[in-house]
PDB file of N, CA and C in Angstrom:
ATOM      1  N   VAL A   1     169.861  96.893 -69.269  1.00  0.00           N
ATOM      2  CA  VAL A   1     169.214  97.500 -68.142  1.00  0.00           C
ATOM      3  C   VAL A   1     168.975  98.940 -68.454  1.00  0.00           C
ATOM      4  N   SER A   2     167.626  99.398 -68.122  1.00  0.00           N
ATOM      5  CA  SER A   2     167.257 100.745 -68.405  1.00  0.00           C
ATOM      6  C   SER A   2     166.263 101.088 -67.333  1.00  0.00           C
ATOM      7  N   PHE A   3     166.508 102.365 -66.706  1.00  0.00           N
ATOM      8  CA  PHE A   3     165.480 102.740 -65.689  1.00  0.00           C
ATOM      9  C   PHE A   3     164.988 104.208 -65.801  1.00  0.00           C
ATOM     10  N   LEU A   4     163.971 104.443 -65.238  1.00  0.00           N
ATOM     11  CA  LEU A   4     163.433 105.900 -65.286  1.00  0.00           C
ATOM     12  C   LEU A   4     163.563 106.308 -63.882  1.00  0.00           C
ATOM     13  N   LEU A   5     164.242 107.538 -63.756  1.00  0.00           N
ATOM     14  CA  LEU A   5     164.255 108.126 -62.378  1.00  0.00           C
ATOM     15  C   LEU A   5     163.285 109.420 -62.426  1.00  0.00           C
ATOM     16  N   THR A   6     162.587 109.649 -61.339  1.00  0.00           N
ATOM     17  CA  THR A   6     161.543 110.613 -61.298  1.00  0.00           C
ATOM     18  C   THR A   6     161.743 111.491 -59.989  1.00  0.00           C
ATOM     19  N   ALA A   7     161.260 112.666 -60.192  1.00  0.00           N
ATOM     20  CA  ALA A   7     161.397 113.562 -59.025  1.00  0.00           C
ATOM     21  C   ALA A   7     160.644 113.142 -57.853  1.00  0.00           C
ATOM     22  N   ASP A   8     159.672 112.394 -57.954  1.00  0.00           N
ATOM     23  CA  ASP A   8     158.849 111.997 -56.747  1.00  0.00           C
ATOM     24  C   ASP A   8     159.445 110.840 -56.028  1.00  0.00           C
ATOM     25  N   LYS A   9     160.403 110.180 -56.590  1.00  0.00           N
ATOM     26  CA  LYS A   9     161.150 109.060 -55.910  1.00  0.00           C
ATOM     27  C   LYS A   9     162.603 109.054 -56.257  1.00  0.00           C
ATOM     28  N   PRO A  10     163.224 110.164 -55.895  1.00  0.00           N
ATOM     29  CA  PRO A  10     164.685 110.452 -56.204  1.00  0.00           C
ATOM     30  C   PRO A  10     165.574 109.245 -55.800  1.00  0.00           C
ATOM     31  N   GLY A  11     166.274 108.852 -56.807  1.00  0.00           N
ATOM     32  CA  GLY A  11     167.245 107.765 -56.470  1.00  0.00           C
ATOM     33  C   GLY A  11     166.763 106.393 -56.538  1.00  0.00           C
ATOM     34  N   ILE A  12     165.402 106.189 -56.663  1.00  0.00           N
ATOM     35  CA  ILE A  12     164.880 105.030 -56.691  1.00  0.00           C
ATOM     36  C   ILE A  12     164.346 104.661 -58.142  1.00  0.00           C
ATOM     37  N   PRO A  13     165.095 103.782 -58.804  1.00  0.00           N
ATOM     38  CA  PRO A  13     164.834 103.523 -60.259  1.00  0.00           C
ATOM     39  C   PRO A  13     163.569 102.831 -60.458  1.00  0.00           C
ATOM     40  N   GLN A  14     162.875 103.206 -61.544  1.00  0.00           N
ATOM     41  CA  GLN A  14     161.744 102.372 -61.984  1.00  0.00           C
ATOM     42  C   GLN A  14     162.081 101.703 -63.245  1.00  0.00           C
ATOM     43  N   PRO A  15     162.281 100.272 -63.260  1.00  0.00           N
ATOM     44  CA  PRO A  15     162.798  99.638 -64.355  1.00  0.00           C
ATOM     45  C   PRO A  15     161.917  99.684 -65.642  1.00  0.00           C
ATOM     46  N   ILE A  16     162.561  99.899 -66.747  1.00  0.00           N
ATOM     47  CA  ILE A  16     162.072  99.951 -68.039  1.00  0.00           C
ATOM     48  C   ILE A  16     162.442  98.627 -68.725  1.00  0.00           C
ATOM     49  N   LYS A  17     163.734  98.296 -68.796  1.00  0.00           N
ATOM     50  CA  LYS A  17     164.218  97.107 -69.181  1.00  0.00           C
ATOM     51  C   LYS A  17     165.076  96.475 -68.025  1.00  0.00           C
ATOM     52  N   LEU A  18     164.741  95.315 -67.452  1.00  0.00           N
ATOM     53  CA  LEU A  18     165.425  94.773 -66.410  1.00  0.00           C
ATOM     54  C   LEU A  18     165.427  93.227 -66.594  1.00  0.00           C
ATOM     55  N   GLN A  19     166.527  92.642 -67.164  1.00  0.00           N
ATOM     56  CA  GLN A  19     166.461  91.234 -67.204  1.00  0.00           C
ATOM     57  C   GLN A  19     166.630  90.399 -65.955  1.00  0.00           C
ATOM     58  N   GLU A  20     166.172  89.237 -65.933  1.00  0.00           N
ATOM     59  CA  GLU A  20     166.151  88.412 -64.703  1.00  0.00           C
ATOM     60  C   GLU A  20     167.446  88.429 -64.055  1.00  0.00           C
ATOM     61  N   GLN A  21     168.619  88.282 -64.674  1.00  0.00           N
ATOM     62  CA  GLN A  21     169.969  88.132 -64.172  1.00  0.00           C
ATOM     63  C   GLN A  21     170.413  89.479 -63.484  1.00  0.00           C
ATOM     64  N   HIS A  22     169.810  90.569 -63.769  1.00  0.00           N
ATOM     65  CA  HIS A  22     170.121  91.786 -63.252  1.00  0.00           C
ATOM     66  C   HIS A  22     169.320  92.288 -62.041  1.00  0.00           C
ATOM     67  N   LYS A  23     168.282  91.530 -61.802  1.00  0.00           N
ATOM     68  CA  LYS A  23     167.267  92.007 -60.663  1.00  0.00           C
ATOM     69  C   LYS A  23     167.964  92.020 -59.384  1.00  0.00           C
ATOM     70  N   VAL A  24     168.809  91.060 -59.095  1.00  0.00           N
ATOM     71  CA  VAL A  24     169.571  90.972 -57.758  1.00  0.00           C
ATOM     72  C   VAL A  24     170.475  92.193 -57.576  1.00  0.00           C
ATOM     73  N   MET A  25     170.903  92.853 -58.675  1.00  0.00           N
ATOM     74  CA  MET A  25     171.769  94.095 -58.509  1.00  0.00           C
ATOM     75  C   MET A  25     171.040  95.314 -58.306  1.00  0.00           C
ATOM     76  N   PHE A  26     169.748  95.316 -58.559  1.00  0.00           N
ATOM     77  CA  PHE A  26     168.868  96.497 -58.325  1.00  0.00           C
ATOM     78  C   PHE A  26     167.551  96.168 -57.693  1.00  0.00           C
ATOM     79  N   PRO A  27     167.618  96.034 -56.268  1.00  0.00           N
ATOM     80  CA  PRO A  27     166.490  95.604 -55.473  1.00  0.00           C
ATOM     81  C   PRO A  27     165.249  96.604 -55.734  1.00  0.00           C
ATOM     82  N   SER A  28     164.059  96.073 -56.000  1.00  0.00           N
ATOM     83  CA  SER A  28     162.938  96.783 -56.323  1.00  0.00           C
ATOM     84  C   SER A  28     162.555  97.820 -55.231  1.00  0.00           C
ATOM     85  N   GLY A  29     162.380  98.980 -55.589  1.00  0.00           N
ATOM     86  CA  GLY A  29     161.875 100.016 -54.657  1.00  0.00           C
ATOM     87  C   GLY A  29     163.063 100.619 -53.810  1.00  0.00           C
ATOM     88  N   LYS A  30     164.228 100.131 -53.978  1.00  0.00           N
ATOM     89  CA  LYS A  30     165.353 100.557 -53.246  1.00  0.00           C
ATOM     90  C   LYS A  30     166.359 101.690 -53.983  1.00  0.00           C
ATOM     91  N   LEU A  31     167.038 102.353 -53.119  1.00  0.00           N
ATOM     92  CA  LEU A  31     167.828 103.482 -53.795  1.00  0.00           C
ATOM     93  C   LEU A  31     168.974 102.833 -54.677  1.00  0.00           C
ATOM     94  N   LEU A  32     169.375 103.531 -55.657  1.00  0.00           N
ATOM     95  CA  LEU A  32     170.553 103.042 -56.481  1.00  0.00           C
ATOM     96  C   LEU A  32     171.722 103.344 -55.411  1.00  0.00           C
ATOM     97  N   CYS A  33     172.613 102.410 -55.400  1.00  0.00           N
ATOM     98  CA  CYS A  33     173.831 102.645 -54.577  1.00  0.00           C
ATOM     99  C   CYS A  33     175.027 102.073 -55.159  1.00  0.00           C
ATOM    100  N   GLU A  34     176.189 102.429 -54.347  1.00  0.00           N
ATOM    101  CA  GLU A  34     177.415 101.925 -54.898  1.00  0.00           C
ATOM    102  C   GLU A  34     177.494 100.423 -54.901  1.00  0.00           C
ATOM    103  N   GLU A  35     176.846  99.750 -54.192  1.00  0.00           N
ATOM    104  CA  GLU A  35     176.790  98.258 -54.208  1.00  0.00           C
ATOM    105  C   GLU A  35     176.260  97.716 -55.533  1.00  0.00           C
ATOM    106  N   SER A  36     175.222  98.443 -56.100  1.00  0.00           N
ATOM    107  CA  SER A  36     174.769  98.001 -57.365  1.00  0.00           C
ATOM    108  C   SER A  36     175.840  98.204 -58.506  1.00  0.00           C
ATOM    109  N   GLY A  37     176.518  99.168 -58.454  1.00  0.00           N
ATOM    110  CA  GLY A  37     177.680  99.426 -59.359  1.00  0.00           C
ATOM    111  C   GLY A  37     178.711  98.356 -59.296  1.00  0.00           C
ATOM    112  N   VAL A  38     179.114  97.967 -58.096  1.00  0.00           N
ATOM    113  CA  VAL A  38     180.074  96.922 -57.896  1.00  0.00           C
ATOM    114  C   VAL A  38     179.527  95.579 -58.424  1.00  0.00           C
ATOM    115  N   LEU A  39     178.288  95.307 -58.153  1.00  0.00           N
ATOM    116  CA  LEU A  39     177.741  93.995 -58.639  1.00  0.00           C
ATOM    117  C   LEU A  39     177.640  93.969 -60.250  1.00  0.00           C
ATOM    118  N   VAL A  40     177.357  95.090 -60.851  1.00  0.00           N
ATOM    119  CA  VAL A  40     177.336  95.242 -62.334  1.00  0.00           C
ATOM    120  C   VAL A  40     178.839  95.009 -62.874  1.00  0.00           C
ATOM    121  N   THR A  41     179.799  95.550 -62.132  1.00  0.00           N
ATOM    122  CA  THR A  41     181.184  95.517 -62.478  1.00  0.00           C
ATOM    123  C   THR A  41     181.556  94.027 -62.493  1.00  0.00           C
ATOM    124  N   GLU A  42     181.204  93.476 -61.449  1.00  0.00           N
ATOM    125  CA  GLU A  42     181.604  91.947 -61.249  1.00  0.00           C
ATOM    126  C   GLU A  42     180.926  91.150 -62.326  1.00  0.00           C
ATOM    127  N   TRP A  43     179.673  91.361 -62.566  1.00  0.00           N
ATOM    128  CA  TRP A  43     178.946  90.674 -63.675  1.00  0.00           C
ATOM    129  C   TRP A  43     179.602  90.893 -65.046  1.00  0.00           C
ATOM    130  N   ALA A  44     179.821  92.130 -65.360  1.00  0.00           N
ATOM    131  CA  ALA A  44     180.422  92.464 -66.634  1.00  0.00           C
ATOM    132  C   ALA A  44     181.881  91.789 -66.872  1.00  0.00           C
ATOM    133  N   ALA A  45     182.590  91.568 -65.708  1.00  0.00           N
ATOM    134  CA  ALA A  45     183.874  90.873 -65.754  1.00  0.00           C
ATOM    135  C   ALA A  45     183.728  89.445 -65.888  1.00  0.00           C
ATOM    136  N   GLY A  46     182.472  88.794 -65.872  1.00  0.00           N
ATOM    137  CA  GLY A  46     182.293  87.374 -66.054  1.00  0.00           C
ATOM    138  C   GLY A  46     181.954  86.647 -64.703  1.00  0.00           C
ATOM    139  N   SER A  47     181.907  87.338 -63.632  1.00  0.00           N
ATOM    140  CA  SER A  47     181.560  86.583 -62.447  1.00  0.00           C
ATOM    141  C   SER A  47     180.023  86.313 -62.402  1.00  0.00           C
ATOM    142  N   SER A  48     179.774  85.281 -61.710  1.00  0.00           N
ATOM    143  CA  SER A  48     178.413  85.090 -61.461  1.00  0.00           C
ATOM    144  C   SER A  48     177.989  85.854 -60.230  1.00  0.00           C
ATOM    145  N   VAL A  49     176.863  86.617 -60.438  1.00  0.00           N
ATOM    146  CA  VAL A  49     176.504  87.541 -59.244  1.00  0.00           C
ATOM    147  C   VAL A  49     175.408  86.814 -58.544  1.00  0.00           C
ATOM    148  N   LYS A  50     175.561  86.759 -57.291  1.00  0.00           N
ATOM    149  CA  LYS A  50     174.524  86.144 -56.354  1.00  0.00           C
ATOM    150  C   LYS A  50     173.856  87.377 -55.574  1.00  0.00           C
ATOM    151  N   LYS A  51     172.649  86.948 -55.116  1.00  0.00           N
ATOM    152  CA  LYS A  51     172.037  88.009 -54.266  1.00  0.00           C
ATOM    153  C   LYS A  51     172.765  88.460 -53.268  1.00  0.00           C
ATOM    154  N   PRO A  52     172.921  89.842 -53.069  1.00  0.00           N
ATOM    155  CA  PRO A  52     173.970  90.362 -51.969  1.00  0.00           C
ATOM    156  C   PRO A  52     173.209  90.222 -50.743  1.00  0.00           C
ATOM    157  N   GLU A  53     173.889  90.104 -49.594  1.00  0.00           N
ATOM    158  CA  GLU A  53     173.260  90.336 -48.314  1.00  0.00           C
ATOM    159  C   GLU A  53     172.797  91.597 -48.074  1.00  0.00           C
ATOM    160  N   VAL A  54     171.572  91.824 -47.808  1.00  0.00           N
ATOM    161  CA  VAL A  54     171.026  93.209 -47.584  1.00  0.00           C
ATOM    162  C   VAL A  54     170.915  93.461 -46.101  1.00  0.00           C
ATOM    163  N   THR A  55     171.712  94.472 -45.645  1.00  0.00           N
ATOM    164  CA  THR A  55     171.682  94.879 -44.258  1.00  0.00           C
ATOM    165  C   THR A  55     170.538  95.792 -44.156  1.00  0.00           C
ATOM    166  N   PRO A  56     170.023  96.033 -42.931  1.00  0.00           N
ATOM    167  CA  PRO A  56     169.049  97.157 -42.772  1.00  0.00           C
ATOM    168  C   PRO A  56     169.409  98.439 -43.183  1.00  0.00           C
ATOM    169  N   ASN A  57     170.642  98.809 -43.211  1.00  0.00           N
ATOM    170  CA  ASN A  57     171.039 100.287 -43.521  1.00  0.00           C
ATOM    171  C   ASN A  57     171.439 100.253 -45.092  1.00  0.00           C
ATOM    172  N   ARG A  58     171.715  99.178 -45.733  1.00  0.00           N
ATOM    173  CA  ARG A  58     172.263  99.178 -46.919  1.00  0.00           C
ATOM    174  C   ARG A  58     171.303  99.956 -47.968  1.00  0.00           C
ATOM    175  N   TYR A  59     170.211  99.390 -47.935  1.00  0.00           N
ATOM    176  CA  TYR A  59     169.080 100.058 -48.777  1.00  0.00           C
ATOM    177  C   TYR A  59     167.867 100.541 -47.924  1.00  0.00           C
ATOM    178  N   PRO A  60     168.128 101.751 -47.414  1.00  0.00           N
ATOM    179  CA  PRO A  60     167.075 102.329 -46.544  1.00  0.00           C
ATOM    180  C   PRO A  60     165.791 102.622 -47.090  1.00  0.00           C
ATOM    181  N   ASP A  61     164.772 102.434 -46.406  1.00  0.00           N
ATOM    182  CA  ASP A  61     163.503 102.999 -46.922  1.00  0.00           C
ATOM    183  C   ASP A  61     163.387 104.431 -46.531  1.00  0.00           C
ATOM    184  N   LEU A  62     162.887 105.194 -47.437  1.00  0.00           N
ATOM    185  CA  LEU A  62     162.944 106.702 -47.262  1.00  0.00           C
ATOM    186  C   LEU A  62     161.473 107.125 -46.850  1.00  0.00           C
ATOM    187  N   ILE A  63     161.424 108.258 -46.393  1.00  0.00           N
ATOM    188  CA  ILE A  63     160.124 108.871 -45.936  1.00  0.00           C
ATOM    189  C   ILE A  63     159.181 109.100 -47.220  1.00  0.00           C
ATOM    190  N   THR A  64     158.006 109.145 -46.997  1.00  0.00           N
ATOM    191  CA  THR A  64     157.010 109.274 -48.144  1.00  0.00           C
ATOM    192  C   THR A  64     156.954 110.819 -48.439  1.00  0.00           C
ATOM    193  N   LEU A  65     156.375 111.103 -49.552  1.00  0.00           N
ATOM    194  CA  LEU A  65     156.054 112.521 -50.105  1.00  0.00           C
ATOM    195  C   LEU A  65     155.239 113.150 -48.991  1.00  0.00           C
ATOM    196  N   GLU A  66     154.221 112.430 -48.369  1.00  0.00           N
ATOM    197  CA  GLU A  66     153.440 113.082 -47.448  1.00  0.00           C
ATOM    198  C   GLU A  66     154.206 113.448 -46.179  1.00  0.00           C
ATOM    199  N   GLN A  67     155.095 112.693 -45.771  1.00  0.00           N
ATOM    200  CA  GLN A  67     155.987 112.862 -44.656  1.00  0.00           C
ATOM    201  C   GLN A  67     156.838 114.061 -44.899  1.00  0.00           C
ATOM    202  N   GLN A  68     157.386 114.130 -46.095  1.00  0.00           N
ATOM    203  CA  GLN A  68     158.288 115.341 -46.540  1.00  0.00           C
ATOM    204  C   GLN A  68     157.409 116.599 -46.364  1.00  0.00           C
ATOM    205  N   THR A  69     156.072 116.496 -46.858  1.00  0.00           N
ATOM    206  CA  THR A  69     155.328 117.671 -46.781  1.00  0.00           C
ATOM    207  C   THR A  69     155.035 118.094 -45.467  1.00  0.00           C
ATOM    208  N   THR A  70     154.791 117.200 -44.471  1.00  0.00           N
ATOM    209  CA  THR A  70     154.633 117.380 -43.117  1.00  0.00           C
ATOM    210  C   THR A  70     155.910 118.165 -42.468  1.00  0.00           C
ATOM    211  N   LEU A  71     157.046 117.515 -42.730  1.00  0.00           N
ATOM    212  CA  LEU A  71     158.291 118.205 -42.195  1.00  0.00           C
ATOM    213  C   LEU A  71     158.426 119.581 -42.743  1.00  0.00           C
ATOM    214  N   ASN A  72     158.266 119.725 -44.124  1.00  0.00           N
ATOM    215  CA  ASN A  72     158.414 120.999 -44.692  1.00  0.00           C
ATOM    216  C   ASN A  72     157.401 122.108 -44.078  1.00  0.00           C
ATOM    217  N   GLY A  73     156.186 121.646 -43.767  1.00  0.00           N
ATOM    218  CA  GLY A  73     155.215 122.564 -43.167  1.00  0.00           C
ATOM    219  C   GLY A  73     155.636 123.068 -41.776  1.00  0.00           C
ATOM    220  N   ILE A  74     156.303 122.118 -40.982  1.00  0.00           N
ATOM    221  CA  ILE A  74     156.709 122.274 -39.736  1.00  0.00           C
ATOM    222  C   ILE A  74     157.894 123.351 -39.678  1.00  0.00           C
ATOM    223  N   ILE A  75     158.826 123.147 -40.769  1.00  0.00           N
ATOM    224  CA  ILE A  75     159.962 123.900 -40.937  1.00  0.00           C
ATOM    225  C   ILE A  75     159.534 125.341 -41.293  1.00  0.00           C
ATOM    226  N   ILE A  76     158.594 125.438 -42.199  1.00  0.00           N
ATOM    227  CA  ILE A  76     158.091 126.820 -42.506  1.00  0.00           C
ATOM    228  C   ILE A  76     157.222 127.474 -41.385  1.00  0.00           C
ATOM    229  N   ASP A  77     156.512 126.692 -40.710  1.00  0.00           N
ATOM    230  CA  ASP A  77     155.667 127.320 -39.646  1.00  0.00           C
ATOM    231  C   ASP A  77     156.625 127.884 -38.479  1.00  0.00           C
ATOM    232  N   LYS A  78     157.643 127.076 -38.110  1.00  0.00           N
ATOM    233  CA  LYS A  78     158.541 127.558 -37.069  1.00  0.00           C
ATOM    234  C   LYS A  78     159.682 128.326 -37.495  1.00  0.00           C
ATOM    235  N   GLY A  79     159.834 128.727 -38.778  1.00  0.00           N
ATOM    236  CA  GLY A  79     160.862 129.406 -39.295  1.00  0.00           C
ATOM    237  C   GLY A  79     162.280 128.753 -39.108  1.00  0.00           C
ATOM    238  N   VAL A  80     162.321 127.495 -39.153  1.00  0.00           N
ATOM    239  CA  VAL A  80     163.450 126.788 -38.977  1.00  0.00           C
ATOM    240  C   VAL A  80     164.394 126.882 -40.320  1.00  0.00           C
ATOM    241  N   GLU A  81     165.612 127.115 -40.174  1.00  0.00           N
ATOM    242  CA  GLU A  81     166.588 127.089 -41.365  1.00  0.00           C
ATOM    243  C   GLU A  81     166.750 125.710 -41.878  1.00  0.00           C
ATOM    244  N   LEU A  82     166.207 125.561 -43.046  1.00  0.00           N
ATOM    245  CA  LEU A  82     166.308 124.187 -43.746  1.00  0.00           C
ATOM    246  C   LEU A  82     167.694 123.618 -43.896  1.00  0.00           C
ATOM    247  N   ASP A  83     168.550 124.475 -44.359  1.00  0.00           N
ATOM    248  CA  ASP A  83     169.998 124.043 -44.305  1.00  0.00           C
ATOM    249  C   ASP A  83     170.586 123.376 -43.106  1.00  0.00           C
ATOM    250  N   LYS A  84     170.230 124.192 -41.988  1.00  0.00           N
ATOM    251  CA  LYS A  84     170.842 123.630 -40.680  1.00  0.00           C
ATOM    252  C   LYS A  84     170.040 122.287 -40.124  1.00  0.00           C
ATOM    253  N   PHE A  85     168.811 122.148 -40.505  1.00  0.00           N
ATOM    254  CA  PHE A  85     167.982 120.984 -40.223  1.00  0.00           C
ATOM    255  C   PHE A  85     168.569 119.845 -41.070  1.00  0.00           C
ATOM    256  N   LEU A  86     168.740 120.053 -42.387  1.00  0.00           N
ATOM    257  CA  LEU A  86     169.322 118.970 -43.195  1.00  0.00           C
ATOM    258  C   LEU A  86     170.591 118.525 -42.673  1.00  0.00           C
ATOM    259  N   LYS A  87     171.541 119.485 -42.398  1.00  0.00           N
ATOM    260  CA  LYS A  87     172.825 119.047 -41.859  1.00  0.00           C
ATOM    261  C   LYS A  87     172.678 118.301 -40.661  1.00  0.00           C
ATOM    262  N   TYR A  88     171.795 118.624 -39.749  1.00  0.00           N
ATOM    263  CA  TYR A  88     171.519 117.883 -38.477  1.00  0.00           C
ATOM    264  C   TYR A  88     171.069 116.491 -38.832  1.00  0.00           C
ATOM    265  N   MET A  89     170.299 116.345 -39.864  1.00  0.00           N
ATOM    266  CA  MET A  89     169.746 115.048 -40.115  1.00  0.00           C
ATOM    267  C   MET A  89     170.682 114.270 -41.089  1.00  0.00           C
ATOM    268  N   GLY A  90     171.793 114.997 -41.550  1.00  0.00           N
ATOM    269  CA  GLY A  90     172.811 114.213 -42.304  1.00  0.00           C
ATOM    270  C   GLY A  90     172.511 113.904 -43.700  1.00  0.00           C
ATOM    271  N   VAL A  91     171.594 114.764 -44.320  1.00  0.00           N
ATOM    272  CA  VAL A  91     171.106 114.538 -45.708  1.00  0.00           C
ATOM    273  C   VAL A  91     171.111 115.939 -46.402  1.00  0.00           C
ATOM    274  N   ALA A  92     171.009 115.847 -47.865  1.00  0.00           N
ATOM    275  CA  ALA A  92     171.032 117.070 -48.652  1.00  0.00           C
ATOM    276  C   ALA A  92     169.651 117.439 -49.002  1.00  0.00           C
ATOM    277  N   ASP A  93     168.717 116.637 -48.696  1.00  0.00           N
ATOM    278  CA  ASP A  93     167.232 116.955 -49.140  1.00  0.00           C
ATOM    279  C   ASP A  93     166.374 116.279 -48.228  1.00  0.00           C
ATOM    280  N   LEU A  94     165.119 116.770 -47.988  1.00  0.00           N
ATOM    281  CA  LEU A  94     164.209 116.076 -47.243  1.00  0.00           C
ATOM    282  C   LEU A  94     163.889 114.636 -47.648  1.00  0.00           C
ATOM    283  N   SER A  95     163.772 114.514 -48.981  1.00  0.00           N
ATOM    284  CA  SER A  95     163.568 113.151 -49.633  1.00  0.00           C
ATOM    285  C   SER A  95     164.585 112.035 -49.259  1.00  0.00           C
ATOM    286  N   GLU A  96     165.735 112.540 -48.786  1.00  0.00           N
ATOM    287  CA  GLU A  96     166.785 111.588 -48.449  1.00  0.00           C
ATOM    288  C   GLU A  96     166.735 111.007 -47.013  1.00  0.00           C
ATOM    289  N   ILE A  97     165.727 111.464 -46.274  1.00  0.00           N
ATOM    290  CA  ILE A  97     165.677 111.146 -44.849  1.00  0.00           C
ATOM    291  C   ILE A  97     165.075 109.722 -44.706  1.00  0.00           C
ATOM    292  N   SER A  98     165.669 108.720 -44.070  1.00  0.00           N
ATOM    293  CA  SER A  98     165.229 107.444 -43.919  1.00  0.00           C
ATOM    294  C   SER A  98     163.964 107.395 -43.099  1.00  0.00           C
ATOM    295  N   ALA A  99     163.133 106.358 -43.463  1.00  0.00           N
ATOM    296  CA  ALA A  99     161.946 106.120 -42.689  1.00  0.00           C
ATOM    297  C   ALA A  99     162.152 105.983 -41.347  1.00  0.00           C
ATOM    298  N   GLN A 100     163.209 105.330 -40.869  1.00  0.00           N
ATOM    299  CA  GLN A 100     163.569 105.009 -39.444  1.00  0.00           C
ATOM    300  C   GLN A 100     163.799 106.420 -38.720  1.00  0.00           C
ATOM    301  N   ASP A 101     164.210 107.447 -39.472  1.00  0.00           N
ATOM    302  CA  ASP A 101     164.619 108.698 -38.743  1.00  0.00           C
ATOM    303  C   ASP A 101     163.539 109.732 -38.802  1.00  0.00           C
ATOM    304  N   TYR A 102     162.387 109.285 -39.333  1.00  0.00           N
ATOM    305  CA  TYR A 102     161.227 110.344 -39.398  1.00  0.00           C
ATOM    306  C   TYR A 102     160.837 110.798 -38.031  1.00  0.00           C
ATOM    307  N   LYS A 103     160.665 109.835 -37.035  1.00  0.00           N
ATOM    308  CA  LYS A 103     160.383 110.288 -35.716  1.00  0.00           C
ATOM    309  C   LYS A 103     161.367 111.184 -35.165  1.00  0.00           C
ATOM    310  N   LYS A 104     162.689 111.000 -35.299  1.00  0.00           N
ATOM    311  CA  LYS A 104     163.785 111.829 -34.901  1.00  0.00           C
ATOM    312  C   LYS A 104     163.627 113.248 -35.485  1.00  0.00           C
ATOM    313  N   ALA A 105     163.243 113.268 -36.757  1.00  0.00           N
ATOM    314  CA  ALA A 105     163.087 114.500 -37.465  1.00  0.00           C
ATOM    315  C   ALA A 105     162.083 115.403 -36.870  1.00  0.00           C
ATOM    316  N   ILE A 106     160.898 114.707 -36.562  1.00  0.00           N
ATOM    317  CA  ILE A 106     159.597 115.334 -36.054  1.00  0.00           C
ATOM    318  C   ILE A 106     160.035 115.836 -34.625  1.00  0.00           C
ATOM    319  N   GLU A 107     160.699 115.049 -33.811  1.00  0.00           N
ATOM    320  CA  GLU A 107     161.085 115.535 -32.473  1.00  0.00           C
ATOM    321  C   GLU A 107     162.052 116.685 -32.491  1.00  0.00           C
ATOM    322  N   ALA A 108     162.988 116.706 -33.457  1.00  0.00           N
ATOM    323  CA  ALA A 108     164.111 117.691 -33.480  1.00  0.00           C
ATOM    324  C   ALA A 108     163.204 119.149 -33.927  1.00  0.00           C
ATOM    325  N   LEU A 109     162.313 118.877 -34.803  1.00  0.00           N
ATOM    326  CA  LEU A 109     161.519 120.094 -35.180  1.00  0.00           C
ATOM    327  C   LEU A 109     160.674 120.580 -34.143  1.00  0.00           C
ATOM    328  N   LYS A 110     160.172 119.745 -33.321  1.00  0.00           N
ATOM    329  CA  LYS A 110     159.252 120.210 -32.177  1.00  0.00           C
ATOM    330  C   LYS A 110     160.236 121.021 -31.084  1.00  0.00           C
ATOM    331  N   LEU A 111     161.361 120.616 -31.117  1.00  0.00           N
ATOM    332  CA  LEU A 111     162.272 121.233 -30.042  1.00  0.00           C
ATOM    333  C   LEU A 111     163.091 122.562 -30.686  1.00  0.00           C
ATOM    334  N   ALA A 112     162.991 122.564 -31.946  1.00  0.00           N
ATOM    335  CA  ALA A 112     163.732 123.623 -32.644  1.00  0.00           C
ATOM    336  C   ALA A 112     163.240 125.048 -32.293  1.00  0.00           C
ATOM    337  N   LYS A 113     164.121 126.051 -32.186  1.00  0.00           N
ATOM    338  CA  LYS A 113     163.738 127.401 -32.015  1.00  0.00           C
ATOM    339  C   LYS A 113     164.106 128.163 -33.394  1.00  0.00           C
ATOM    340  N   GLY A 114     163.122 128.274 -34.203  1.00  0.00           N
ATOM    341  CA  GLY A 114     163.291 128.957 -35.406  1.00  0.00           C
ATOM    342  C   GLY A 114     163.170 130.448 -35.323  1.00  0.00           C
ATOM    343  N   ALA A 115     163.307 131.097 -36.512  1.00  0.00           N
ATOM    344  CA  ALA A 115     163.262 132.563 -36.542  1.00  0.00           C
ATOM    345  C   ALA A 115     162.017 133.146 -36.019  1.00  0.00           C
ATOM    346  N   LYS A 116     160.959 132.363 -36.181  1.00  0.00           N
ATOM    347  CA  LYS A 116     159.498 132.916 -35.730  1.00  0.00           C
ATOM    348  C   LYS A 116     159.506 132.700 -34.194  1.00  0.00           C
ATOM    349  N   ALA A 117     160.311 131.897 -33.628  1.00  0.00           N
ATOM    350  CA  ALA A 117     160.115 131.743 -32.026  1.00  0.00           C
ATOM    351  C   ALA A 117     160.847 132.881 -31.357  1.00  0.00           C
ATOM    352  N   ALA A 118     161.701 133.740 -32.211  1.00  0.00           N
ATOM    353  CA  ALA A 118     162.484 134.773 -31.474  1.00  0.00           C
ATOM    354  C   ALA A 118     161.570 135.947 -31.285  1.00  0.00           C
TER     355      ALA A 118
END
C-alpha cells in the first residue's frame, strides 16, 4: 500500500499502489481514519477483512476548495477571528469542515460580529 497525500485534499489519500484486498480498508475519496488502521492491523494478524459498515459520519465528505475560499473570504471581510470560528465548528482547519456542515458555517458567519463590525 502506498499513497500520496496532497495539500489540496488533506487527509484524503491518492493511491499509488493499492492491491485489491486493501481497497476495503481505504475507501476511495474518503479521509484516512482510525478505522483504516484497525482494519490493516486485523489483516496483518491474519484475519480476513470484510468491507466495513460505513456510517454517514465515519467517512464524512468535506467541503470543496471553492467552499473553503468562500468561507475564508467572509471571515476576512467581516474580520472574524479564524481561531474562534474553527473552534465553533469543531475543526482545526477550514479544510476539515464536513460538507453537511457547510450551510451551518455560512449561517454562523452571516451572524458573526467580527472586528470590522465594531
